Amino acid sequence: MLYTRLLPNYQPKTYAHKTGLSRRQFNSALTSTLTGTLTGMLGATTLVTFLPVSASATLMPDAQTPPSMQTEILDVDGNAFQIDDFKGMPILVNFWATWCAPCIAELPALDQAAKSLADINLVILLVSIDRGGPAKALPFLNDRGIVETDAKAGMRFGFDRKANLPREMGVSGVPTSFLLSSDQTKSWLFKGPFEWDQPDMLTHIRTLVG
């Protein structure tokens, strides 16, 4: 599993491991070859493999009391809101960034999960921590066919240029996701990329928030 650990200034640390590459070079190579060999850059024998964490029940986290999450973030129109605004429906808060290869890899699965779980009014909130804000992250999502739903539930976007909300919630790397019960009294922490759209994962989410 690949997991982009963050430095204190919430910039990625992944690229620094003995590659000799800049962050831009490493992430560009990793994004285009999530499973395969970074030929010509790291050498023909260097294998970088992306294996999403299985949705096996044995790997599912235990329920916890939700962390503090009072920080306001912005929606696509620049209006401030809080996670508390979604109380009354279950929500999956996913922290991601355009420079995070495993984040990018799980976006299609999150998009499909939002559609598959529409019947339980699940909100999937993608919170970008890109310093470029909506101008950077929104076109990136739209280019991949990931758009907000018209209803309150379903796929929603949030933007946190200074990464204040993940700091408050104790996030140390991306992707990191928090599944919250509809009354926001329980949470489940998922560190790293997951196969969100697989049947066993969908069933497990339904069970947790049901």
N, C-alpha and C. Protein backbone atom coordinates (compact mmCIF):
# COMPACT_ATOMS: atom_id res chain seq x y z
N MET A 1 0.84 -1.20 0.00
CA MET A 1 0.00 0.00 0.00
C MET A 1 0.87 1.24 0.00
N LEU A 2 0.58 2.19 -0.86
CA LEU A 2 1.27 3.46 -0.86
C LEU A 2 0.47 4.48 -0.07
N TYR A 3 1.17 5.25 0.71
CA TYR A 3 0.52 6.24 1.57
C TYR A 3 1.44 7.43 1.65
N THR A 4 0.98 8.60 1.22
CA THR A 4 1.82 9.78 1.16
C THR A 4 1.87 10.46 2.52
N ARG A 5 2.95 10.21 3.26
CA ARG A 5 3.10 10.86 4.56
C ARG A 5 3.45 12.33 4.35
N LEU A 6 2.99 13.14 5.29
CA LEU A 6 3.12 14.58 5.15
C LEU A 6 4.12 15.15 6.13
N LEU A 7 4.85 16.15 5.67
CA LEU A 7 5.77 16.89 6.53
C LEU A 7 4.97 17.86 7.39
N PRO A 8 5.57 18.50 8.38
CA PRO A 8 4.83 19.44 9.23
C PRO A 8 4.11 20.54 8.46
N ASN A 9 4.64 20.92 7.28
CA ASN A 9 3.97 21.96 6.49
C ASN A 9 2.93 21.37 5.53
N TYR A 10 2.64 20.09 5.73
CA TYR A 10 1.63 19.36 4.95
C TYR A 10 1.96 19.29 3.46
N GLN A 11 3.24 19.21 3.16
CA GLN A 11 3.68 18.90 1.81
C GLN A 11 4.12 17.44 1.80
N PRO A 12 4.09 16.80 0.63
CA PRO A 12 4.35 15.36 0.57
C PRO A 12 5.79 14.99 0.88
N LYS A 13 5.94 13.80 1.46
CA LYS A 13 7.25 13.28 1.82
C LYS A 13 7.63 12.08 0.96
N THR A 14 6.68 11.56 0.19
CA THR A 14 6.86 10.31 -0.54
C THR A 14 8.09 10.30 -1.43
N TYR A 15 8.36 11.38 -2.14
CA TYR A 15 9.38 11.39 -3.18
C TYR A 15 10.80 11.30 -2.65
N ALA A 16 11.02 11.50 -1.36
CA ALA A 16 12.36 11.69 -0.84
C ALA A 16 13.17 10.41 -0.65
N HIS A 17 12.59 9.24 -0.92
CA HIS A 17 13.26 7.99 -0.59
C HIS A 17 14.27 7.54 -1.65
N LYS A 18 15.48 7.99 -1.57
CA LYS A 18 16.62 7.45 -2.31
C LYS A 18 16.38 7.35 -3.81
N THR A 19 15.57 8.20 -4.37
CA THR A 19 15.31 8.11 -5.80
C THR A 19 16.17 9.06 -6.60
N GLY A 20 16.57 10.16 -5.98
CA GLY A 20 17.31 11.16 -6.73
C GLY A 20 16.41 12.01 -7.59
N LEU A 21 15.09 11.82 -7.46
CA LEU A 21 14.13 12.56 -8.27
C LEU A 21 13.55 13.72 -7.47
N SER A 22 13.12 14.74 -8.18
CA SER A 22 12.37 15.80 -7.53
C SER A 22 10.99 15.28 -7.21
N ARG A 23 10.28 16.00 -6.33
CA ARG A 23 8.90 15.60 -6.01
C ARG A 23 8.05 15.54 -7.26
N ARG A 24 8.19 16.53 -8.15
CA ARG A 24 7.39 16.56 -9.38
C ARG A 24 7.69 15.35 -10.26
N GLN A 25 8.97 15.02 -10.42
CA GLN A 25 9.34 13.87 -11.25
C GLN A 25 8.82 12.57 -10.68
N PHE A 26 8.98 12.42 -9.35
CA PHE A 26 8.54 11.18 -8.72
C PHE A 26 7.04 10.99 -8.84
N ASN A 27 6.26 12.01 -8.50
CA ASN A 27 4.81 11.89 -8.54
C ASN A 27 4.30 11.71 -9.96
N SER A 28 4.96 12.34 -10.93
CA SER A 28 4.57 12.17 -12.32
C SER A 28 4.77 10.73 -12.75
N ALA A 29 5.92 10.17 -12.39
CA ALA A 29 6.20 8.79 -12.74
C ALA A 29 5.28 7.83 -12.01
N LEU A 30 5.06 8.08 -10.72
CA LEU A 30 4.25 7.19 -9.92
C LEU A 30 2.79 7.20 -10.35
N THR A 31 2.29 8.38 -10.72
CA THR A 31 0.90 8.48 -11.16
C THR A 31 0.67 7.70 -12.44
N SER A 32 1.63 7.76 -13.36
CA SER A 32 1.46 7.11 -14.65
C SER A 32 1.78 5.62 -14.60
N THR A 33 2.47 5.17 -13.54
CA THR A 33 2.84 3.76 -13.43
C THR A 33 2.59 3.24 -12.03
N LEU A 34 1.35 3.35 -11.57
CA LEU A 34 1.03 2.91 -10.21
C LEU A 34 1.38 1.45 -10.00
N THR A 35 1.28 0.66 -11.04
CA THR A 35 1.78 -0.70 -10.96
C THR A 35 2.73 -0.89 -12.13
N GLY A 36 3.99 -1.10 -11.86
CA GLY A 36 4.92 -1.28 -12.95
C GLY A 36 6.30 -0.80 -12.59
N THR A 37 7.13 -0.62 -13.59
CA THR A 37 8.52 -0.25 -13.39
C THR A 37 8.75 1.17 -13.85
N LEU A 38 9.42 1.97 -13.04
CA LEU A 38 9.73 3.33 -13.41
C LEU A 38 10.98 3.30 -14.29
N THR A 39 10.81 2.77 -15.49
CA THR A 39 11.95 2.59 -16.38
C THR A 39 12.51 3.91 -16.82
N GLY A 40 13.83 3.90 -16.99
CA GLY A 40 14.51 5.07 -17.50
C GLY A 40 14.76 6.14 -16.45
N MET A 41 14.06 6.03 -15.28
CA MET A 41 14.20 7.05 -14.25
C MET A 41 14.83 6.46 -13.00
N LEU A 42 14.33 5.29 -12.59
CA LEU A 42 14.87 4.65 -11.40
C LEU A 42 15.66 3.39 -11.73
N GLY A 43 15.59 2.96 -13.00
CA GLY A 43 16.28 1.74 -13.38
C GLY A 43 15.30 0.62 -13.63
N ALA A 44 15.68 -0.28 -14.51
CA ALA A 44 14.77 -1.32 -14.98
C ALA A 44 14.37 -2.32 -13.92
N THR A 45 15.10 -2.38 -12.81
CA THR A 45 14.79 -3.39 -11.80
C THR A 45 13.97 -2.84 -10.64
N THR A 46 13.66 -1.53 -10.65
CA THR A 46 12.93 -0.92 -9.54
C THR A 46 11.44 -1.02 -9.77
N LEU A 47 10.77 -1.76 -8.93
CA LEU A 47 9.33 -1.99 -9.09
C LEU A 47 8.56 -1.22 -8.03
N VAL A 48 7.62 -0.38 -8.47
CA VAL A 48 6.76 0.35 -7.55
C VAL A 48 5.35 -0.17 -7.75
N THR A 49 4.79 -0.82 -6.76
CA THR A 49 3.50 -1.47 -6.89
C THR A 49 2.44 -0.78 -6.06
N PHE A 50 1.28 -0.54 -6.66
CA PHE A 50 0.14 0.01 -5.94
C PHE A 50 -0.87 -1.10 -5.73
N LEU A 51 -1.08 -1.47 -4.48
CA LEU A 51 -2.05 -2.49 -4.15
C LEU A 51 -3.04 -1.93 -3.15
N PRO A 52 -4.26 -1.57 -3.59
CA PRO A 52 -5.25 -1.04 -2.64
C PRO A 52 -5.50 -2.03 -1.52
N VAL A 53 -5.71 -1.49 -0.34
CA VAL A 53 -6.00 -2.34 0.81
C VAL A 53 -7.29 -3.12 0.56
N SER A 54 -7.28 -4.39 0.86
CA SER A 54 -8.46 -5.22 0.69
C SER A 54 -9.59 -4.74 1.57
N ALA A 55 -10.81 -4.93 1.10
CA ALA A 55 -11.97 -4.56 1.89
C ALA A 55 -12.38 -5.68 2.84
N SER A 56 -11.47 -6.60 3.08
CA SER A 56 -11.74 -7.70 4.01
C SER A 56 -12.14 -7.16 5.38
N ALA A 57 -13.12 -7.80 5.98
CA ALA A 57 -13.61 -7.34 7.29
C ALA A 57 -12.50 -7.36 8.34
N THR A 58 -11.48 -8.21 8.15
CA THR A 58 -10.41 -8.28 9.13
C THR A 58 -9.55 -7.02 9.14
N LEU A 59 -9.65 -6.22 8.08
CA LEU A 59 -8.87 -5.00 8.00
C LEU A 59 -9.70 -3.76 8.31
N MET A 60 -10.95 -3.93 8.66
CA MET A 60 -11.80 -2.79 8.94
C MET A 60 -11.49 -2.22 10.33
N PRO A 61 -11.47 -0.92 10.47
CA PRO A 61 -11.15 -0.31 11.76
C PRO A 61 -12.31 -0.40 12.74
N ASP A 62 -11.99 -0.26 14.01
CA ASP A 62 -13.01 -0.24 15.05
C ASP A 62 -13.60 1.16 15.17
N ALA A 63 -14.81 1.23 15.69
CA ALA A 63 -15.46 2.51 15.90
C ALA A 63 -14.72 3.31 16.96
N GLN A 64 -14.63 4.61 16.74
CA GLN A 64 -13.99 5.52 17.68
C GLN A 64 -14.87 6.74 17.88
N THR A 65 -14.58 7.49 18.91
CA THR A 65 -15.22 8.79 19.06
C THR A 65 -14.62 9.72 18.01
N PRO A 66 -15.44 10.45 17.26
CA PRO A 66 -14.89 11.31 16.21
C PRO A 66 -13.90 12.33 16.78
N PRO A 67 -12.85 12.65 16.02
CA PRO A 67 -11.92 13.69 16.46
C PRO A 67 -12.58 15.06 16.37
N SER A 68 -11.95 16.06 16.95
CA SER A 68 -12.44 17.43 16.79
C SER A 68 -12.42 17.79 15.30
N MET A 69 -13.47 18.44 14.82
CA MET A 69 -13.56 18.77 13.39
C MET A 69 -14.40 20.04 13.21
N GLN A 70 -14.01 21.09 13.91
CA GLN A 70 -14.74 22.35 13.88
C GLN A 70 -14.25 23.32 12.81
N THR A 71 -13.08 23.05 12.23
CA THR A 71 -12.52 23.96 11.22
C THR A 71 -13.44 24.09 10.02
N GLU A 72 -13.62 25.30 9.57
CA GLU A 72 -14.41 25.55 8.36
C GLU A 72 -13.55 25.36 7.11
N ILE A 73 -14.17 24.79 6.08
CA ILE A 73 -13.54 24.68 4.78
C ILE A 73 -14.47 25.31 3.75
N LEU A 74 -14.03 25.40 2.51
CA LEU A 74 -14.82 26.09 1.48
C LEU A 74 -15.45 25.12 0.50
N ASP A 75 -16.64 25.48 0.01
CA ASP A 75 -17.28 24.70 -1.05
C ASP A 75 -16.88 25.26 -2.40
N VAL A 76 -17.46 24.74 -3.48
CA VAL A 76 -17.06 25.15 -4.83
C VAL A 76 -17.38 26.62 -5.11
N ASP A 77 -18.30 27.20 -4.35
CA ASP A 77 -18.67 28.61 -4.53
C ASP A 77 -17.92 29.54 -3.59
N GLY A 78 -17.02 28.97 -2.79
CA GLY A 78 -16.24 29.79 -1.87
C GLY A 78 -16.93 30.05 -0.54
N ASN A 79 -18.03 29.35 -0.28
CA ASN A 79 -18.75 29.51 0.98
C ASN A 79 -18.17 28.56 2.04
N ALA A 80 -18.06 29.04 3.27
CA ALA A 80 -17.50 28.24 4.36
C ALA A 80 -18.56 27.29 4.92
N PHE A 81 -18.11 26.09 5.28
CA PHE A 81 -19.01 25.13 5.94
C PHE A 81 -18.19 24.22 6.84
N GLN A 82 -18.88 23.44 7.68
CA GLN A 82 -18.25 22.51 8.60
C GLN A 82 -18.81 21.11 8.37
N ILE A 83 -18.07 20.11 8.83
CA ILE A 83 -18.55 18.73 8.74
C ILE A 83 -19.88 18.59 9.48
N ASP A 84 -20.04 19.36 10.55
CA ASP A 84 -21.27 19.31 11.35
C ASP A 84 -22.50 19.65 10.52
N ASP A 85 -22.34 20.38 9.42
CA ASP A 85 -23.48 20.75 8.58
C ASP A 85 -24.14 19.54 7.94
N PHE A 86 -23.44 18.41 7.91
CA PHE A 86 -24.00 17.21 7.29
C PHE A 86 -24.60 16.25 8.32
N LYS A 87 -24.70 16.70 9.56
CA LYS A 87 -25.28 15.84 10.59
C LYS A 87 -26.70 15.45 10.20
N GLY A 88 -27.02 14.19 10.38
CA GLY A 88 -28.32 13.68 9.98
C GLY A 88 -28.20 12.67 8.85
N MET A 89 -27.01 12.59 8.25
CA MET A 89 -26.74 11.59 7.21
C MET A 89 -25.30 11.11 7.37
N PRO A 90 -25.04 9.84 7.06
CA PRO A 90 -23.67 9.34 7.18
C PRO A 90 -22.76 10.04 6.18
N ILE A 91 -21.49 10.20 6.55
CA ILE A 91 -20.57 10.91 5.67
C ILE A 91 -19.20 10.25 5.70
N LEU A 92 -18.59 10.16 4.53
CA LEU A 92 -17.22 9.69 4.40
C LEU A 92 -16.38 10.88 3.96
N VAL A 93 -15.50 11.33 4.85
CA VAL A 93 -14.64 12.48 4.58
C VAL A 93 -13.30 11.96 4.10
N ASN A 94 -12.93 12.29 2.86
CA ASN A 94 -11.70 11.80 2.27
C ASN A 94 -10.75 12.97 2.00
N PHE A 95 -9.57 12.94 2.64
CA PHE A 95 -8.56 13.97 2.41
C PHE A 95 -7.63 13.51 1.29
N TRP A 96 -7.44 14.39 0.31
CA TRP A 96 -6.67 14.02 -0.88
C TRP A 96 -5.96 15.25 -1.44
N ALA A 97 -5.10 15.03 -2.45
CA ALA A 97 -4.43 16.13 -3.14
C ALA A 97 -4.07 15.68 -4.55
N THR A 98 -3.93 16.63 -5.45
CA THR A 98 -3.61 16.30 -6.84
C THR A 98 -2.19 15.76 -6.99
N TRP A 99 -1.31 16.02 -6.00
CA TRP A 99 0.06 15.52 -6.07
C TRP A 99 0.23 14.15 -5.39
N CYS A 100 -0.87 13.58 -4.93
CA CYS A 100 -0.83 12.30 -4.20
C CYS A 100 -1.31 11.17 -5.12
N ALA A 101 -0.36 10.36 -5.59
CA ALA A 101 -0.71 9.30 -6.55
C ALA A 101 -1.74 8.30 -6.03
N PRO A 102 -1.61 7.76 -4.80
CA PRO A 102 -2.64 6.83 -4.32
C PRO A 102 -3.99 7.50 -4.13
N CYS A 103 -4.00 8.80 -3.84
CA CYS A 103 -5.27 9.53 -3.76
C CYS A 103 -5.97 9.52 -5.12
N ILE A 104 -5.20 9.81 -6.14
CA ILE A 104 -5.74 9.86 -7.50
C ILE A 104 -6.27 8.50 -7.91
N ALA A 105 -5.53 7.46 -7.53
CA ALA A 105 -5.91 6.10 -7.94
C ALA A 105 -7.25 5.68 -7.36
N GLU A 106 -7.60 6.15 -6.15
CA GLU A 106 -8.86 5.70 -5.54
C GLU A 106 -10.05 6.61 -5.86
N LEU A 107 -9.82 7.71 -6.56
CA LEU A 107 -10.93 8.63 -6.87
C LEU A 107 -12.06 7.96 -7.64
N PRO A 108 -11.79 7.17 -8.70
CA PRO A 108 -12.91 6.52 -9.41
C PRO A 108 -13.73 5.61 -8.51
N ALA A 109 -13.06 4.90 -7.60
CA ALA A 109 -13.78 4.00 -6.69
C ALA A 109 -14.67 4.79 -5.73
N LEU A 110 -14.18 5.92 -5.25
CA LEU A 110 -14.99 6.79 -4.39
C LEU A 110 -16.19 7.33 -5.14
N ASP A 111 -15.98 7.72 -6.39
CA ASP A 111 -17.07 8.24 -7.21
C ASP A 111 -18.15 7.18 -7.40
N GLN A 112 -17.73 5.95 -7.69
CA GLN A 112 -18.70 4.87 -7.88
C GLN A 112 -19.40 4.53 -6.58
N ALA A 113 -18.67 4.57 -5.47
CA ALA A 113 -19.27 4.27 -4.17
C ALA A 113 -20.35 5.29 -3.83
N ALA A 114 -20.12 6.56 -4.17
CA ALA A 114 -21.12 7.59 -3.92
C ALA A 114 -22.42 7.28 -4.64
N LYS A 115 -22.30 6.74 -5.85
CA LYS A 115 -23.50 6.38 -6.63
C LYS A 115 -24.15 5.12 -6.07
N SER A 116 -23.33 4.15 -5.71
CA SER A 116 -23.86 2.87 -5.22
C SER A 116 -24.55 2.99 -3.87
N LEU A 117 -24.11 3.98 -3.06
CA LEU A 117 -24.67 4.13 -1.72
C LEU A 117 -25.65 5.29 -1.61
N ALA A 118 -26.16 5.72 -2.75
CA ALA A 118 -27.11 6.84 -2.75
C ALA A 118 -28.38 6.50 -1.98
N ASP A 119 -28.71 5.21 -1.92
CA ASP A 119 -29.96 4.81 -1.25
C ASP A 119 -29.90 4.99 0.26
N ILE A 120 -28.70 5.11 0.84
CA ILE A 120 -28.60 5.34 2.29
C ILE A 120 -28.23 6.80 2.57
N ASN A 121 -28.30 7.63 1.54
CA ASN A 121 -28.01 9.07 1.67
C ASN A 121 -26.60 9.34 2.21
N LEU A 122 -25.66 8.50 1.81
CA LEU A 122 -24.27 8.72 2.22
C LEU A 122 -23.68 9.91 1.47
N VAL A 123 -22.99 10.77 2.21
CA VAL A 123 -22.22 11.86 1.62
C VAL A 123 -20.77 11.41 1.52
N ILE A 124 -20.18 11.53 0.35
CA ILE A 124 -18.74 11.35 0.22
C ILE A 124 -18.16 12.73 -0.05
N LEU A 125 -17.43 13.25 0.93
CA LEU A 125 -16.87 14.59 0.85
C LEU A 125 -15.39 14.51 0.55
N LEU A 126 -15.00 14.90 -0.66
CA LEU A 126 -13.60 14.95 -1.06
C LEU A 126 -13.04 16.30 -0.63
N VAL A 127 -12.10 16.28 0.31
CA VAL A 127 -11.50 17.52 0.80
C VAL A 127 -10.09 17.65 0.24
N SER A 128 -9.92 18.57 -0.69
CA SER A 128 -8.62 18.82 -1.29
C SER A 128 -7.77 19.68 -0.37
N ILE A 129 -6.50 19.28 -0.19
CA ILE A 129 -5.57 20.11 0.58
C ILE A 129 -4.55 20.78 -0.34
N ASP A 130 -4.87 20.86 -1.62
CA ASP A 130 -3.99 21.56 -2.56
C ASP A 130 -3.93 23.04 -2.21
N ARG A 131 -2.73 23.59 -2.23
CA ARG A 131 -2.59 25.01 -1.93
C ARG A 131 -3.23 25.88 -3.00
N GLY A 132 -3.42 25.33 -4.18
CA GLY A 132 -4.07 26.07 -5.25
C GLY A 132 -5.58 26.15 -5.10
N GLY A 133 -6.13 25.45 -4.11
CA GLY A 133 -7.57 25.51 -3.85
C GLY A 133 -8.41 25.00 -5.00
N PRO A 134 -9.65 25.52 -5.13
CA PRO A 134 -10.55 25.06 -6.19
C PRO A 134 -9.98 25.23 -7.59
N ALA A 135 -9.20 26.27 -7.82
CA ALA A 135 -8.64 26.52 -9.15
C ALA A 135 -7.73 25.37 -9.59
N LYS A 136 -7.12 24.70 -8.63
CA LYS A 136 -6.25 23.56 -8.94
C LYS A 136 -7.02 22.25 -8.92
N ALA A 137 -7.80 22.02 -7.87
CA ALA A 137 -8.41 20.71 -7.67
C ALA A 137 -9.68 20.47 -8.48
N LEU A 138 -10.50 21.51 -8.65
CA LEU A 138 -11.78 21.31 -9.32
C LEU A 138 -11.63 20.90 -10.79
N PRO A 139 -10.80 21.57 -11.59
CA PRO A 139 -10.61 21.10 -12.97
C PRO A 139 -10.02 19.69 -13.03
N PHE A 140 -9.17 19.38 -12.06
CA PHE A 140 -8.56 18.05 -11.99
C PHE A 140 -9.65 16.98 -11.83
N LEU A 141 -10.60 17.23 -10.95
CA LEU A 141 -11.70 16.29 -10.74
C LEU A 141 -12.62 16.23 -11.96
N ASN A 142 -12.98 17.39 -12.47
CA ASN A 142 -13.90 17.43 -13.60
C ASN A 142 -13.32 16.76 -14.84
N ASP A 143 -12.02 16.90 -15.04
CA ASP A 143 -11.36 16.25 -16.18
C ASP A 143 -11.47 14.74 -16.10
N ARG A 144 -11.67 14.22 -14.90
CA ARG A 144 -11.79 12.78 -14.69
C ARG A 144 -13.24 12.35 -14.55
N GLY A 145 -14.16 13.25 -14.87
CA GLY A 145 -15.58 12.93 -14.85
C GLY A 145 -16.17 12.85 -13.46
N ILE A 146 -15.48 13.40 -12.46
CA ILE A 146 -15.98 13.38 -11.09
C ILE A 146 -16.60 14.74 -10.79
N VAL A 147 -17.90 14.75 -10.57
CA VAL A 147 -18.64 15.99 -10.37
C VAL A 147 -19.51 15.88 -9.13
N GLU A 148 -19.86 17.03 -8.58
CA GLU A 148 -20.76 17.05 -7.43
C GLU A 148 -22.18 16.67 -7.85
N THR A 149 -22.90 16.07 -6.91
CA THR A 149 -24.31 15.78 -7.14
C THR A 149 -25.13 17.03 -6.81
N ASP A 150 -26.33 17.09 -7.37
CA ASP A 150 -27.22 18.22 -7.10
C ASP A 150 -27.79 18.15 -5.69
N ALA A 151 -28.02 16.92 -5.21
CA ALA A 151 -28.59 16.74 -3.88
C ALA A 151 -27.52 16.95 -2.81
N LYS A 152 -27.95 17.09 -1.56
CA LYS A 152 -27.00 17.27 -0.46
C LYS A 152 -26.16 16.03 -0.26
N ALA A 153 -26.77 14.84 -0.41
CA ALA A 153 -26.03 13.59 -0.29
C ALA A 153 -25.30 13.30 -1.60
N GLY A 154 -24.52 12.22 -1.61
CA GLY A 154 -23.75 11.88 -2.80
C GLY A 154 -22.37 12.50 -2.77
N MET A 155 -21.80 12.78 -3.93
CA MET A 155 -20.46 13.33 -4.02
C MET A 155 -20.46 14.83 -3.78
N ARG A 156 -19.64 15.26 -2.82
CA ARG A 156 -19.49 16.68 -2.51
C ARG A 156 -18.00 17.02 -2.43
N PHE A 157 -17.68 18.30 -2.67
CA PHE A 157 -16.29 18.75 -2.66
C PHE A 157 -16.06 19.78 -1.57
N GLY A 158 -14.87 19.75 -1.00
CA GLY A 158 -14.44 20.78 -0.05
C GLY A 158 -12.99 21.14 -0.34
N PHE A 159 -12.58 22.34 0.05
CA PHE A 159 -11.23 22.83 -0.26
C PHE A 159 -10.63 23.47 0.99
N ASP A 160 -9.41 23.05 1.30
CA ASP A 160 -8.73 23.50 2.51
C ASP A 160 -7.28 23.80 2.16
N ARG A 161 -7.02 25.01 1.66
CA ARG A 161 -5.69 25.38 1.16
C ARG A 161 -4.59 25.20 2.19
N LYS A 162 -4.87 25.48 3.45
CA LYS A 162 -3.85 25.42 4.49
C LYS A 162 -3.89 24.13 5.30
N ALA A 163 -4.76 23.20 4.87
CA ALA A 163 -4.86 21.89 5.54
C ALA A 163 -5.13 22.02 7.03
N ASN A 164 -5.94 22.99 7.41
CA ASN A 164 -6.25 23.18 8.83
C ASN A 164 -7.16 22.09 9.38
N LEU A 165 -8.13 21.64 8.58
CA LEU A 165 -9.04 20.60 9.06
C LEU A 165 -8.33 19.27 9.28
N PRO A 166 -7.52 18.77 8.33
CA PRO A 166 -6.82 17.51 8.62
C PRO A 166 -5.86 17.63 9.80
N ARG A 167 -5.26 18.80 10.00
CA ARG A 167 -4.42 18.99 11.18
C ARG A 167 -5.25 18.80 12.45
N GLU A 168 -6.42 19.44 12.47
CA GLU A 168 -7.30 19.34 13.64
C GLU A 168 -7.71 17.89 13.89
N MET A 169 -7.90 17.13 12.80
CA MET A 169 -8.38 15.76 12.92
C MET A 169 -7.25 14.75 13.08
N GLY A 170 -5.99 15.23 13.14
CA GLY A 170 -4.87 14.35 13.41
C GLY A 170 -4.37 13.56 12.22
N VAL A 171 -4.62 14.05 11.02
CA VAL A 171 -4.20 13.35 9.81
C VAL A 171 -2.69 13.54 9.59
N SER A 172 -1.98 12.44 9.32
CA SER A 172 -0.54 12.50 9.11
C SER A 172 -0.12 12.17 7.68
N GLY A 173 -1.08 11.82 6.84
CA GLY A 173 -0.77 11.49 5.46
C GLY A 173 -2.04 11.34 4.66
N VAL A 174 -1.91 11.25 3.34
CA VAL A 174 -3.07 11.10 2.46
C VAL A 174 -2.83 9.93 1.49
N PRO A 175 -3.90 9.26 1.06
CA PRO A 175 -5.28 9.54 1.46
C PRO A 175 -5.60 9.03 2.86
N THR A 176 -6.41 9.80 3.56
CA THR A 176 -6.98 9.39 4.84
C THR A 176 -8.47 9.69 4.79
N SER A 177 -9.27 8.74 5.27
CA SER A 177 -10.73 8.92 5.24
C SER A 177 -11.32 8.64 6.61
N PHE A 178 -12.37 9.36 6.94
CA PHE A 178 -13.14 9.16 8.16
C PHE A 178 -14.58 8.88 7.77
N LEU A 179 -15.09 7.74 8.19
CA LEU A 179 -16.51 7.44 8.02
C LEU A 179 -17.21 7.81 9.32
N LEU A 180 -18.24 8.67 9.22
CA LEU A 180 -18.95 9.14 10.40
C LEU A 180 -20.39 8.66 10.36
N SER A 181 -20.89 8.24 11.51
CA SER A 181 -22.30 7.88 11.61
C SER A 181 -23.16 9.13 11.40
N SER A 182 -24.43 8.92 11.11
CA SER A 182 -25.29 10.06 10.78
C SER A 182 -25.41 11.06 11.93
N ASP A 183 -25.32 10.59 13.19
CA ASP A 183 -25.39 11.53 14.31
C ASP A 183 -24.00 12.03 14.72
N GLN A 184 -22.97 11.56 14.00
CA GLN A 184 -21.58 11.98 14.20
C GLN A 184 -21.07 11.69 15.62
N THR A 185 -21.55 10.59 16.18
CA THR A 185 -21.05 10.16 17.49
C THR A 185 -20.04 9.02 17.36
N LYS A 186 -19.94 8.42 16.17
CA LYS A 186 -19.00 7.34 15.91
C LYS A 186 -18.23 7.65 14.64
N SER A 187 -16.97 7.22 14.60
CA SER A 187 -16.18 7.38 13.38
C SER A 187 -15.29 6.16 13.19
N TRP A 188 -14.92 5.92 11.94
CA TRP A 188 -14.02 4.83 11.58
C TRP A 188 -12.93 5.42 10.70
N LEU A 189 -11.68 5.18 11.05
CA LEU A 189 -10.54 5.76 10.36
C LEU A 189 -9.97 4.78 9.35
N PHE A 190 -9.77 5.25 8.11
CA PHE A 190 -9.19 4.46 7.04
C PHE A 190 -7.95 5.19 6.52
N LYS A 191 -6.77 4.61 6.73
CA LYS A 191 -5.52 5.22 6.28
C LYS A 191 -5.04 4.52 5.02
N GLY A 192 -4.83 5.29 3.96
CA GLY A 192 -4.39 4.72 2.70
C GLY A 192 -5.54 4.53 1.73
N PRO A 193 -5.24 4.06 0.53
CA PRO A 193 -6.27 3.86 -0.50
C PRO A 193 -7.04 2.56 -0.27
N PHE A 194 -8.33 2.60 -0.58
CA PHE A 194 -9.18 1.42 -0.42
C PHE A 194 -10.00 1.18 -1.69
N GLU A 195 -10.48 -0.03 -1.82
CA GLU A 195 -11.36 -0.39 -2.94
C GLU A 195 -12.80 -0.09 -2.53
N TRP A 196 -13.12 1.19 -2.50
CA TRP A 196 -14.40 1.65 -1.97
C TRP A 196 -15.62 1.11 -2.72
N ASP A 197 -15.46 0.77 -3.98
CA ASP A 197 -16.60 0.37 -4.80
C ASP A 197 -16.81 -1.14 -4.85
N GLN A 198 -16.00 -1.90 -4.12
CA GLN A 198 -16.15 -3.35 -4.15
C GLN A 198 -17.31 -3.79 -3.27
N PRO A 199 -18.01 -4.88 -3.66
CA PRO A 199 -19.22 -5.30 -2.93
C PRO A 199 -19.03 -5.49 -1.43
N ASP A 200 -17.89 -6.10 -1.01
CA ASP A 200 -17.72 -6.33 0.42
C ASP A 200 -17.50 -5.02 1.18
N MET A 201 -16.84 -4.06 0.55
CA MET A 201 -16.67 -2.76 1.18
C MET A 201 -17.99 -2.02 1.28
N LEU A 202 -18.79 -2.03 0.20
CA LEU A 202 -20.08 -1.37 0.21
C LEU A 202 -20.99 -1.96 1.29
N THR A 203 -20.97 -3.29 1.40
CA THR A 203 -21.77 -3.95 2.42
C THR A 203 -21.30 -3.56 3.81
N HIS A 204 -19.99 -3.47 3.98
CA HIS A 204 -19.46 -3.13 5.30
C HIS A 204 -19.83 -1.70 5.70
N ILE A 205 -19.77 -0.78 4.75
CA ILE A 205 -20.16 0.59 5.04
C ILE A 205 -21.62 0.66 5.46
N ARG A 206 -22.46 -0.07 4.73
CA ARG A 206 -23.89 -0.10 5.07
C ARG A 206 -24.09 -0.63 6.51
N THR A 207 -23.33 -1.66 6.86
CA THR A 207 -23.45 -2.24 8.19
C THR A 207 -22.99 -1.26 9.27
N LEU A 208 -21.88 -0.58 9.02
CA LEU A 208 -21.34 0.33 10.01
C LEU A 208 -22.28 1.50 10.31
N VAL A 209 -22.86 2.07 9.28
CA VAL A 209 -23.66 3.29 9.46
C VAL A 209 -25.16 2.98 9.50
N GLY A 210 -25.52 1.72 9.36
CA GLY A 210 -26.93 1.34 9.32
C GLY A 210 -27.64 1.46 10.67
